[in-house]
Amino acid sequence: MPPMPPGADAPTPAAGAPVHVLRGAHALMAVIDRGSADYVGIVTTDRDGRFRVALPAGTYTVLTEHAGAPYLNCFSGDGTWCTVTVADGAWSETQIVDSADATF
């Protein structure tokens, strides 16, 4: 993506955005099945767009919603969304950037 020109809007934090957590890797989906055995739960971002979830060690798909549909602008080479690995007693970080409406 080319650099933003001077005076362009900088990305803003997504306050109050839903963040869904699913166990394991997942391919694109049209809806989030909250009844699925892989569905861990949902949290909401704070006013700075940050969120925190306590999880046992494992691999997770962490995504949000754009226009009501599951969204994550990060894909693995096998056709699944990127995952987050959580280790015992350690913090793991992930960043979700919503670029669905970006103009290139």
N, C-alpha and C. Protein backbone atom coordinates (compact mmCIF):
# COMPACT_ATOMS: atom_id res chain seq x y z
N MET A 1 0.85 -1.17 0.00
CA MET A 1 0.00 0.00 0.00
C MET A 1 0.90 1.23 0.00
N PRO A 2 0.63 2.22 -0.83
CA PRO A 2 1.47 3.42 -0.83
C PRO A 2 1.31 4.18 0.48
N PRO A 3 2.32 4.98 0.82
CA PRO A 3 2.21 5.75 2.06
C PRO A 3 1.04 6.73 2.00
N MET A 4 0.50 7.03 3.17
CA MET A 4 -0.61 7.98 3.24
C MET A 4 -0.08 9.38 3.01
N PRO A 5 -0.78 10.19 2.23
CA PRO A 5 -0.34 11.56 2.00
C PRO A 5 -0.50 12.41 3.25
N PRO A 6 0.28 13.48 3.36
CA PRO A 6 0.14 14.36 4.52
C PRO A 6 -1.31 14.84 4.64
N GLY A 7 -1.81 14.86 5.86
CA GLY A 7 -3.16 15.33 6.11
C GLY A 7 -4.23 14.26 5.96
N ALA A 8 -3.86 13.07 5.50
CA ALA A 8 -4.84 11.98 5.36
C ALA A 8 -5.22 11.48 6.75
N ASP A 9 -6.41 10.94 6.83
CA ASP A 9 -6.87 10.39 8.11
C ASP A 9 -5.98 9.23 8.52
N ALA A 10 -5.54 9.25 9.76
CA ALA A 10 -4.78 8.13 10.31
C ALA A 10 -5.77 7.09 10.80
N PRO A 11 -5.37 5.83 10.83
CA PRO A 11 -6.28 4.81 11.37
C PRO A 11 -6.70 5.15 12.79
N THR A 12 -7.92 4.84 13.12
CA THR A 12 -8.43 5.12 14.46
C THR A 12 -8.77 3.81 15.16
N PRO A 13 -8.62 3.78 16.48
CA PRO A 13 -8.96 2.57 17.23
C PRO A 13 -10.45 2.26 17.11
N ALA A 14 -10.78 1.01 17.11
CA ALA A 14 -12.17 0.58 17.00
C ALA A 14 -12.74 0.36 18.40
N ALA A 15 -13.21 1.42 19.01
CA ALA A 15 -13.81 1.32 20.34
C ALA A 15 -15.13 0.57 20.25
N GLY A 16 -15.35 -0.35 21.18
CA GLY A 16 -16.61 -1.09 21.25
C GLY A 16 -16.79 -2.14 20.17
N ALA A 17 -15.71 -2.56 19.52
CA ALA A 17 -15.80 -3.58 18.47
C ALA A 17 -15.88 -4.97 19.08
N PRO A 18 -16.69 -5.85 18.49
CA PRO A 18 -16.74 -7.23 18.97
C PRO A 18 -15.51 -8.00 18.51
N VAL A 19 -14.94 -8.81 19.39
CA VAL A 19 -13.80 -9.66 19.06
C VAL A 19 -14.18 -11.09 19.46
N HIS A 20 -14.17 -11.97 18.47
CA HIS A 20 -14.56 -13.37 18.67
C HIS A 20 -13.30 -14.23 18.75
N VAL A 21 -13.34 -15.24 19.60
CA VAL A 21 -12.22 -16.17 19.77
C VAL A 21 -12.71 -17.58 19.49
N LEU A 22 -11.97 -18.27 18.59
CA LEU A 22 -12.28 -19.65 18.25
C LEU A 22 -11.03 -20.50 18.43
N ARG A 23 -11.18 -21.73 18.91
CA ARG A 23 -10.05 -22.64 19.03
C ARG A 23 -9.60 -23.09 17.65
N GLY A 24 -8.29 -23.14 17.44
CA GLY A 24 -7.73 -23.68 16.21
C GLY A 24 -7.77 -22.73 15.04
N ALA A 25 -7.38 -23.26 13.88
CA ALA A 25 -7.38 -22.48 12.64
C ALA A 25 -8.72 -22.66 11.93
N HIS A 26 -9.17 -21.60 11.26
CA HIS A 26 -10.46 -21.64 10.57
C HIS A 26 -10.37 -20.99 9.21
N ALA A 27 -11.05 -21.60 8.24
CA ALA A 27 -11.17 -21.02 6.91
C ALA A 27 -12.22 -19.90 6.97
N LEU A 28 -12.26 -19.11 5.92
CA LEU A 28 -13.26 -18.05 5.84
C LEU A 28 -14.65 -18.62 6.06
N MET A 29 -15.50 -17.83 6.70
CA MET A 29 -16.87 -18.26 6.97
C MET A 29 -17.81 -17.09 6.78
N ALA A 30 -19.05 -17.37 6.44
CA ALA A 30 -20.03 -16.32 6.22
C ALA A 30 -20.63 -15.81 7.53
N VAL A 31 -20.72 -16.68 8.51
CA VAL A 31 -21.25 -16.32 9.83
C VAL A 31 -20.42 -17.03 10.90
N ILE A 32 -20.45 -16.48 12.08
CA ILE A 32 -19.76 -17.10 13.21
C ILE A 32 -20.76 -17.97 13.95
N ASP A 33 -20.46 -19.25 14.06
CA ASP A 33 -21.34 -20.20 14.74
C ASP A 33 -21.01 -20.19 16.22
N ARG A 34 -21.78 -19.45 16.98
CA ARG A 34 -21.53 -19.35 18.42
C ARG A 34 -21.86 -20.63 19.17
N GLY A 35 -22.50 -21.57 18.50
CA GLY A 35 -22.81 -22.86 19.11
C GLY A 35 -21.76 -23.92 18.80
N SER A 36 -20.77 -23.56 17.99
CA SER A 36 -19.72 -24.50 17.62
C SER A 36 -18.87 -24.87 18.83
N ALA A 37 -18.36 -26.09 18.83
CA ALA A 37 -17.47 -26.53 19.91
C ALA A 37 -16.18 -25.72 19.93
N ASP A 38 -15.79 -25.11 18.80
CA ASP A 38 -14.58 -24.30 18.73
C ASP A 38 -14.78 -22.87 19.20
N TYR A 39 -16.04 -22.44 19.35
CA TYR A 39 -16.31 -21.06 19.74
C TYR A 39 -16.01 -20.88 21.23
N VAL A 40 -15.05 -20.01 21.55
CA VAL A 40 -14.66 -19.76 22.94
C VAL A 40 -15.49 -18.65 23.54
N GLY A 41 -15.68 -17.56 22.80
CA GLY A 41 -16.47 -16.45 23.32
C GLY A 41 -16.20 -15.15 22.61
N ILE A 42 -16.80 -14.10 23.15
CA ILE A 42 -16.71 -12.77 22.57
C ILE A 42 -16.36 -11.76 23.65
N VAL A 43 -15.52 -10.79 23.29
CA VAL A 43 -15.22 -9.65 24.16
C VAL A 43 -15.41 -8.40 23.32
N THR A 44 -15.44 -7.26 23.98
CA THR A 44 -15.59 -5.98 23.30
C THR A 44 -14.36 -5.13 23.56
N THR A 45 -13.88 -4.45 22.53
CA THR A 45 -12.70 -3.60 22.71
C THR A 45 -13.02 -2.40 23.60
N ASP A 46 -11.99 -1.89 24.28
CA ASP A 46 -12.17 -0.71 25.11
C ASP A 46 -12.13 0.55 24.23
N ARG A 47 -12.14 1.71 24.83
CA ARG A 47 -12.19 2.97 24.07
C ARG A 47 -10.94 3.18 23.21
N ASP A 48 -9.85 2.48 23.54
CA ASP A 48 -8.63 2.57 22.75
C ASP A 48 -8.51 1.44 21.72
N GLY A 49 -9.56 0.64 21.59
CA GLY A 49 -9.54 -0.46 20.64
C GLY A 49 -8.78 -1.68 21.11
N ARG A 50 -8.49 -1.74 22.40
CA ARG A 50 -7.73 -2.87 22.95
C ARG A 50 -8.67 -3.87 23.61
N PHE A 51 -8.20 -5.11 23.68
CA PHE A 51 -8.97 -6.15 24.35
C PHE A 51 -8.01 -7.11 25.02
N ARG A 52 -8.53 -7.85 25.99
CA ARG A 52 -7.73 -8.82 26.73
C ARG A 52 -8.62 -10.03 27.01
N VAL A 53 -8.05 -11.22 26.78
CA VAL A 53 -8.79 -12.46 27.01
C VAL A 53 -7.85 -13.44 27.70
N ALA A 54 -8.29 -14.05 28.78
CA ALA A 54 -7.51 -15.10 29.44
C ALA A 54 -7.86 -16.42 28.77
N LEU A 55 -6.82 -17.10 28.24
CA LEU A 55 -7.03 -18.35 27.51
C LEU A 55 -6.00 -19.39 27.95
N PRO A 56 -6.37 -20.66 27.93
CA PRO A 56 -5.37 -21.69 28.16
C PRO A 56 -4.44 -21.78 26.94
N ALA A 57 -3.29 -22.40 27.13
CA ALA A 57 -2.34 -22.55 26.03
C ALA A 57 -3.03 -23.22 24.85
N GLY A 58 -2.67 -22.77 23.65
CA GLY A 58 -3.24 -23.36 22.45
C GLY A 58 -3.17 -22.40 21.28
N THR A 59 -3.80 -22.80 20.19
CA THR A 59 -3.86 -21.99 18.97
C THR A 59 -5.28 -21.51 18.79
N TYR A 60 -5.44 -20.22 18.46
CA TYR A 60 -6.75 -19.60 18.36
C TYR A 60 -6.85 -18.73 17.11
N THR A 61 -8.07 -18.62 16.59
CA THR A 61 -8.39 -17.63 15.57
C THR A 61 -9.11 -16.51 16.29
N VAL A 62 -8.60 -15.29 16.16
CA VAL A 62 -9.17 -14.12 16.82
C VAL A 62 -9.60 -13.16 15.71
N LEU A 63 -10.89 -12.88 15.63
CA LEU A 63 -11.39 -12.04 14.55
C LEU A 63 -12.46 -11.09 15.03
N THR A 64 -12.80 -10.15 14.19
CA THR A 64 -13.83 -9.17 14.51
C THR A 64 -14.92 -9.26 13.45
N GLU A 65 -15.72 -8.21 13.34
CA GLU A 65 -16.78 -8.18 12.33
C GLU A 65 -16.65 -6.90 11.51
N HIS A 66 -17.00 -7.00 10.25
CA HIS A 66 -17.08 -5.83 9.37
C HIS A 66 -18.42 -5.93 8.66
N ALA A 67 -19.26 -4.91 8.83
CA ALA A 67 -20.60 -4.90 8.25
C ALA A 67 -21.37 -6.17 8.63
N GLY A 68 -21.17 -6.64 9.86
CA GLY A 68 -21.90 -7.78 10.38
C GLY A 68 -21.35 -9.15 10.01
N ALA A 69 -20.28 -9.19 9.21
CA ALA A 69 -19.70 -10.47 8.79
C ALA A 69 -18.36 -10.69 9.48
N PRO A 70 -17.96 -11.95 9.69
CA PRO A 70 -16.65 -12.24 10.28
C PRO A 70 -15.55 -11.59 9.45
N TYR A 71 -14.55 -11.01 10.13
CA TYR A 71 -13.51 -10.28 9.41
C TYR A 71 -12.16 -10.44 10.10
N LEU A 72 -11.14 -10.70 9.30
CA LEU A 72 -9.75 -10.67 9.75
C LEU A 72 -8.91 -10.48 8.50
N ASN A 73 -8.14 -9.41 8.43
CA ASN A 73 -7.35 -9.11 7.25
C ASN A 73 -5.97 -9.76 7.36
N CYS A 74 -5.95 -11.07 7.55
CA CYS A 74 -4.70 -11.81 7.66
C CYS A 74 -4.99 -13.27 7.33
N PHE A 75 -4.25 -13.81 6.35
CA PHE A 75 -4.49 -15.18 5.91
C PHE A 75 -3.21 -15.98 5.91
N SER A 76 -3.32 -17.24 6.23
CA SER A 76 -2.19 -18.17 6.17
C SER A 76 -2.11 -18.72 4.75
N GLY A 77 -1.02 -19.34 4.42
CA GLY A 77 -0.83 -19.89 3.08
C GLY A 77 -1.74 -21.07 2.76
N ASP A 78 -2.40 -21.64 3.76
CA ASP A 78 -3.26 -22.80 3.52
C ASP A 78 -4.74 -22.44 3.37
N GLY A 79 -5.05 -21.16 3.27
CA GLY A 79 -6.43 -20.72 3.08
C GLY A 79 -7.19 -20.45 4.36
N THR A 80 -6.52 -20.54 5.50
CA THR A 80 -7.17 -20.23 6.77
C THR A 80 -6.77 -18.83 7.21
N TRP A 81 -7.56 -18.29 8.15
CA TRP A 81 -7.17 -17.02 8.76
C TRP A 81 -5.92 -17.24 9.61
N CYS A 82 -5.17 -16.19 9.84
CA CYS A 82 -4.00 -16.27 10.72
C CYS A 82 -4.46 -16.64 12.13
N THR A 83 -3.58 -17.28 12.86
CA THR A 83 -3.90 -17.69 14.21
C THR A 83 -2.98 -17.00 15.21
N VAL A 84 -3.35 -17.12 16.47
CA VAL A 84 -2.56 -16.62 17.59
C VAL A 84 -2.22 -17.81 18.46
N THR A 85 -0.95 -17.96 18.81
CA THR A 85 -0.52 -19.04 19.69
C THR A 85 -0.37 -18.49 21.09
N VAL A 86 -1.03 -19.15 22.04
CA VAL A 86 -0.98 -18.76 23.44
C VAL A 86 -0.14 -19.79 24.19
N ALA A 87 0.85 -19.32 24.95
CA ALA A 87 1.70 -20.20 25.76
C ALA A 87 1.33 -20.02 27.23
N ASP A 88 1.53 -21.06 28.03
CA ASP A 88 1.25 -20.98 29.46
C ASP A 88 2.04 -19.85 30.11
N GLY A 89 1.36 -19.04 30.88
CA GLY A 89 2.01 -18.00 31.67
C GLY A 89 2.62 -16.86 30.87
N ALA A 90 2.24 -16.71 29.61
CA ALA A 90 2.83 -15.65 28.78
C ALA A 90 1.72 -14.85 28.08
N TRP A 91 2.03 -13.60 27.77
CA TRP A 91 1.12 -12.76 27.00
C TRP A 91 1.34 -13.03 25.52
N SER A 92 0.27 -13.06 24.77
CA SER A 92 0.34 -13.13 23.31
C SER A 92 -0.36 -11.89 22.78
N GLU A 93 0.17 -11.33 21.71
CA GLU A 93 -0.43 -10.12 21.14
C GLU A 93 -0.88 -10.38 19.72
N THR A 94 -1.96 -9.72 19.35
CA THR A 94 -2.43 -9.73 17.98
C THR A 94 -3.00 -8.36 17.66
N GLN A 95 -2.98 -8.00 16.41
CA GLN A 95 -3.53 -6.73 15.97
C GLN A 95 -4.47 -7.00 14.81
N ILE A 96 -5.67 -6.48 14.89
CA ILE A 96 -6.64 -6.63 13.82
C ILE A 96 -6.79 -5.27 13.15
N VAL A 97 -6.49 -5.21 11.87
CA VAL A 97 -6.61 -3.97 11.10
C VAL A 97 -7.73 -4.15 10.09
N ASP A 98 -8.76 -3.32 10.18
CA ASP A 98 -9.88 -3.38 9.25
C ASP A 98 -9.57 -2.50 8.06
N SER A 99 -9.19 -3.14 6.97
CA SER A 99 -8.88 -2.39 5.76
C SER A 99 -9.90 -2.69 4.65
N ALA A 100 -11.05 -3.21 5.02
CA ALA A 100 -12.06 -3.62 4.04
C ALA A 100 -12.55 -2.44 3.20
N ASP A 101 -12.59 -1.24 3.76
CA ASP A 101 -13.07 -0.08 3.02
C ASP A 101 -11.91 0.80 2.52
N ALA A 102 -10.69 0.27 2.58
CA ALA A 102 -9.53 1.07 2.15
C ALA A 102 -9.58 1.31 0.64
N THR A 103 -9.07 2.44 0.24
CA THR A 103 -8.96 2.78 -1.18
C THR A 103 -7.51 2.76 -1.55
N PHE A 104 -7.15 1.99 -2.56
CA PHE A 104 -5.75 1.87 -2.96
C PHE A 104 -5.52 2.58 -4.28
